[in-house]
Amino acid sequence: MKTIEQDRKQLHSWYLKNKRNLPWRASKNPYLIWISEVMLQQTTVTAVIPFYEKFIKRFPDINTLAKARIEDVYEYWAGLGYYSRARNLHKAAQIVVHKHKAVFPKTYQELIELPGFGPYTSRAVASLAYDQ
């Protein structure tokens, strides 16, 4: 009978052999993880990659995104659709900069309070950036 630990090891082994090299996987930076998670909502990985790279080049950190005009954010979001995601990114960035002094919240409870952060995105950022 297989154990959960054996299943975990088998799954991890499969991942190491088959994982895709994605630009956001190389970082524990919560900002980069957050941007990728939001872009991947309702959008395929293949479609997201060029938008992610262009967006991060223009808005490399939370301060840059928070200070940007919403029209600029929309311009770099163009083609991804669901513009409420871009609007919520901008609003959340401003809150993180002003309320948290540009330090990204670390817990699910803090993250879920930000615009556009649902249960999945909050857990993904807490897990991938902070190992929670």
C-alpha atoms as a PDB file:
ATOM      1  CA  MET A   1       0.000   0.000   0.000  1.00  0.00           C
ATOM      2  CA  LYS A   2       1.356   3.426  -0.995  1.00  0.00           C
ATOM      3  CA  THR A   3       1.737   6.077   1.624  1.00  0.00           C
ATOM      4  CA  ILE A   4       1.165   9.783   1.297  1.00  0.00           C
ATOM      5  CA  GLU A   5       4.922  10.284   1.590  1.00  0.00           C
ATOM      6  CA  GLN A   6       5.531   7.938  -1.357  1.00  0.00           C
ATOM      7  CA  ASP A   7       2.950   9.819  -3.413  1.00  0.00           C
ATOM      8  CA  ARG A   8       4.576  13.126  -2.492  1.00  0.00           C
ATOM      9  CA  LYS A   9       8.026  11.877  -3.527  1.00  0.00           C
ATOM     10  CA  GLN A  10       6.692  10.479  -6.794  1.00  0.00           C
ATOM     11  CA  LEU A  11       4.902  13.733  -7.616  1.00  0.00           C
ATOM     12  CA  HIS A  12       7.994  15.794  -6.759  1.00  0.00           C
ATOM     13  CA  SER A  13      10.165  13.543  -8.921  1.00  0.00           C
ATOM     14  CA  TRP A  14       7.750  13.950 -11.832  1.00  0.00           C
ATOM     15  CA  TYR A  15       7.781  17.740 -11.373  1.00  0.00           C
ATOM     16  CA  LEU A  16      11.592  17.903 -11.414  1.00  0.00           C
ATOM     17  CA  LYS A  17      11.652  16.007 -14.716  1.00  0.00           C
ATOM     18  CA  ASN A  18       8.758  17.821 -16.385  1.00  0.00           C
ATOM     19  CA  LYS A  19       8.575  21.352 -14.995  1.00  0.00           C
ATOM     20  CA  ARG A  20       8.443  24.271 -17.383  1.00  0.00           C
ATOM     21  CA  ASN A  21      10.952  27.076 -17.077  1.00  0.00           C
ATOM     22  CA  LEU A  22       8.658  30.013 -16.324  1.00  0.00           C
ATOM     23  CA  PRO A  23       9.969  33.521 -15.567  1.00  0.00           C
ATOM     24  CA  TRP A  24       8.120  33.857 -12.248  1.00  0.00           C
ATOM     25  CA  ARG A  25       9.244  30.520 -10.808  1.00  0.00           C
ATOM     26  CA  ALA A  26      12.824  31.651 -10.180  1.00  0.00           C
ATOM     27  CA  SER A  27      11.806  34.185  -7.537  1.00  0.00           C
ATOM     28  CA  LYS A  28      10.434  34.296  -4.008  1.00  0.00           C
ATOM     29  CA  ASN A  29       9.584  37.966  -4.557  1.00  0.00           C
ATOM     30  CA  PRO A  30       5.921  38.338  -3.527  1.00  0.00           C
ATOM     31  CA  TYR A  31       5.355  41.158  -6.016  1.00  0.00           C
ATOM     32  CA  LEU A  32       6.480  39.042  -8.986  1.00  0.00           C
ATOM     33  CA  ILE A  33       4.495  36.042  -7.764  1.00  0.00           C
ATOM     34  CA  TRP A  34       1.391  38.200  -7.295  1.00  0.00           C
ATOM     35  CA  ILE A  35       1.614  39.697 -10.788  1.00  0.00           C
ATOM     36  CA  SER A  36       1.950  36.229 -12.334  1.00  0.00           C
ATOM     37  CA  GLU A  37      -0.929  34.791 -10.304  1.00  0.00           C
ATOM     38  CA  VAL A  38      -3.264  37.604 -11.336  1.00  0.00           C
ATOM     39  CA  MET A  39      -2.261  37.402 -14.993  1.00  0.00           C
ATOM     40  CA  LEU A  40      -2.796  33.644 -14.992  1.00  0.00           C
ATOM     41  CA  GLN A  41      -6.428  34.047 -13.921  1.00  0.00           C
ATOM     42  CA  GLN A  42      -8.571  33.253 -16.972  1.00  0.00           C
ATOM     43  CA  THR A  43      -5.467  33.305 -19.229  1.00  0.00           C
ATOM     44  CA  THR A  44      -3.164  30.524 -20.464  1.00  0.00           C
ATOM     45  CA  VAL A  45       0.488  30.326 -19.435  1.00  0.00           C
ATOM     46  CA  THR A  46       1.618  30.625 -23.055  1.00  0.00           C
ATOM     47  CA  ALA A  47      -0.355  33.844 -23.494  1.00  0.00           C
ATOM     48  CA  VAL A  48       0.806  35.320 -20.174  1.00  0.00           C
ATOM     49  CA  ILE A  49       4.590  34.987 -20.598  1.00  0.00           C
ATOM     50  CA  PRO A  50       5.151  37.904 -23.038  1.00  0.00           C
ATOM     51  CA  PHE A  51       2.692  40.147 -21.161  1.00  0.00           C
ATOM     52  CA  TYR A  52       4.352  39.318 -17.836  1.00  0.00           C
ATOM     53  CA  GLU A  53       7.824  40.124 -19.155  1.00  0.00           C
ATOM     54  CA  LYS A  54       6.677  43.425 -20.693  1.00  0.00           C
ATOM     55  CA  PHE A  55       4.692  44.394 -17.572  1.00  0.00           C
ATOM     56  CA  ILE A  56       7.564  43.636 -15.184  1.00  0.00           C
ATOM     57  CA  LYS A  57      10.006  45.553 -17.345  1.00  0.00           C
ATOM     58  CA  ARG A  58       7.750  48.631 -17.121  1.00  0.00           C
ATOM     59  CA  PHE A  59       6.616  48.099 -13.490  1.00  0.00           C
ATOM     60  CA  PRO A  60       9.546  46.250 -11.853  1.00  0.00           C
ATOM     61  CA  ASP A  61       8.400  46.757  -8.263  1.00  0.00           C
ATOM     62  CA  ILE A  62       5.436  47.682  -6.118  1.00  0.00           C
ATOM     63  CA  ASN A  63       6.484  51.337  -5.828  1.00  0.00           C
ATOM     64  CA  THR A  64       6.641  51.795  -9.592  1.00  0.00           C
ATOM     65  CA  LEU A  65       3.224  50.206 -10.063  1.00  0.00           C
ATOM     66  CA  ALA A  66       1.668  52.238  -7.238  1.00  0.00           C
ATOM     67  CA  LYS A  67       2.980  55.532  -8.660  1.00  0.00           C
ATOM     68  CA  ALA A  68       1.912  54.767 -12.237  1.00  0.00           C
ATOM     69  CA  ARG A  69      -1.120  56.331 -13.849  1.00  0.00           C
ATOM     70  CA  ILE A  70      -3.933  53.815 -14.225  1.00  0.00           C
ATOM     71  CA  GLU A  71      -3.957  54.549 -17.963  1.00  0.00           C
ATOM     72  CA  ASP A  72      -0.350  53.316 -18.173  1.00  0.00           C
ATOM     73  CA  VAL A  73      -1.275  50.143 -16.302  1.00  0.00           C
ATOM     74  CA  TYR A  74      -4.152  49.557 -18.716  1.00  0.00           C
ATOM     75  CA  GLU A  75      -1.836  50.129 -21.673  1.00  0.00           C
ATOM     76  CA  TYR A  76       0.524  47.380 -20.490  1.00  0.00           C
ATOM     77  CA  TRP A  77      -2.425  45.132 -19.665  1.00  0.00           C
ATOM     78  CA  ALA A  78      -3.983  45.551 -23.124  1.00  0.00           C
ATOM     79  CA  GLY A  79      -4.563  42.168 -24.727  1.00  0.00           C
ATOM     80  CA  LEU A  80      -5.085  40.251 -21.480  1.00  0.00           C
ATOM     81  CA  GLY A  81      -8.702  41.324 -20.988  1.00  0.00           C
ATOM     82  CA  TYR A  82     -10.593  41.468 -17.691  1.00  0.00           C
ATOM     83  CA  TYR A  83      -9.360  44.986 -16.932  1.00  0.00           C
ATOM     84  CA  SER A  84     -10.697  44.767 -13.385  1.00  0.00           C
ATOM     85  CA  ARG A  85      -7.589  42.661 -12.690  1.00  0.00           C
ATOM     86  CA  ALA A  86      -5.345  45.556 -13.765  1.00  0.00           C
ATOM     87  CA  ARG A  87      -7.406  48.057 -11.768  1.00  0.00           C
ATOM     88  CA  ASN A  88      -7.176  45.864  -8.649  1.00  0.00           C
ATOM     89  CA  LEU A  89      -3.416  45.407  -9.120  1.00  0.00           C
ATOM     90  CA  HIS A  90      -3.013  49.167  -9.174  1.00  0.00           C
ATOM     91  CA  LYS A  91      -5.272  49.716  -6.129  1.00  0.00           C
ATOM     92  CA  ALA A  92      -3.589  46.951  -4.133  1.00  0.00           C
ATOM     93  CA  ALA A  93      -0.123  48.296  -4.995  1.00  0.00           C
ATOM     94  CA  GLN A  94      -1.125  51.723  -3.688  1.00  0.00           C
ATOM     95  CA  ILE A  95      -2.429  50.198  -0.452  1.00  0.00           C
ATOM     96  CA  VAL A  96       0.748  48.158   0.075  1.00  0.00           C
ATOM     97  CA  VAL A  97       2.909  51.230  -0.507  1.00  0.00           C
ATOM     98  CA  HIS A  98       0.889  53.584   1.710  1.00  0.00           C
ATOM     99  CA  LYS A  99      -0.479  51.305   4.432  1.00  0.00           C
ATOM    100  CA  HIS A 100       2.383  48.785   4.649  1.00  0.00           C
ATOM    101  CA  LYS A 101       5.258  51.120   3.697  1.00  0.00           C
ATOM    102  CA  ALA A 102       5.900  49.127   0.493  1.00  0.00           C
ATOM    103  CA  VAL A 103       6.474  45.900   2.443  1.00  0.00           C
ATOM    104  CA  PHE A 104       4.325  43.153   0.996  1.00  0.00           C
ATOM    105  CA  PRO A 105       1.994  41.538   3.566  1.00  0.00           C
ATOM    106  CA  LYS A 106       3.103  38.039   4.543  1.00  0.00           C
ATOM    107  CA  THR A 107      -0.014  36.336   5.841  1.00  0.00           C
ATOM    108  CA  TYR A 108      -3.151  35.069   4.188  1.00  0.00           C
ATOM    109  CA  GLN A 109      -5.222  37.227   6.554  1.00  0.00           C
ATOM    110  CA  GLU A 110      -3.429  40.418   5.454  1.00  0.00           C
ATOM    111  CA  LEU A 111      -3.329  39.507   1.770  1.00  0.00           C
ATOM    112  CA  ILE A 112      -7.022  38.630   1.522  1.00  0.00           C
ATOM    113  CA  GLU A 113      -7.861  42.216   2.549  1.00  0.00           C
ATOM    114  CA  LEU A 114      -6.241  43.658  -0.594  1.00  0.00           C
ATOM    115  CA  PRO A 115      -8.330  44.414  -3.707  1.00  0.00           C
ATOM    116  CA  GLY A 116      -8.344  41.499  -6.132  1.00  0.00           C
ATOM    117  CA  PHE A 117      -6.920  39.023  -3.634  1.00  0.00           C
ATOM    118  CA  GLY A 118      -9.250  36.082  -3.292  1.00  0.00           C
ATOM    119  CA  PRO A 119      -8.544  32.919  -1.319  1.00  0.00           C
ATOM    120  CA  TYR A 120      -6.447  31.302  -4.069  1.00  0.00           C
ATOM    121  CA  THR A 121      -4.219  34.311  -4.807  1.00  0.00           C
ATOM    122  CA  SER A 122      -3.727  35.025  -1.101  1.00  0.00           C
ATOM    123  CA  ARG A 123      -2.710  31.432  -0.414  1.00  0.00           C
ATOM    124  CA  ALA A 124      -0.492  31.262  -3.502  1.00  0.00           C
ATOM    125  CA  VAL A 125       1.483  34.380  -2.551  1.00  0.00           C
ATOM    126  CA  ALA A 126       1.765  33.338   1.111  1.00  0.00           C
ATOM    127  CA  SER A 127       2.893  29.858   0.095  1.00  0.00           C
ATOM    128  CA  LEU A 128       5.232  30.614  -2.796  1.00  0.00           C
ATOM    129  CA  ALA A 129       6.823  33.776  -1.379  1.00  0.00           C
ATOM    130  CA  TYR A 130       6.818  33.001   2.343  1.00  0.00           C
ATOM    131  CA  ASP A 131       6.587  29.184   2.547  1.00  0.00           C
ATOM    132  CA  GLN A 132       3.361  29.358   4.562  1.00  0.00           C
END
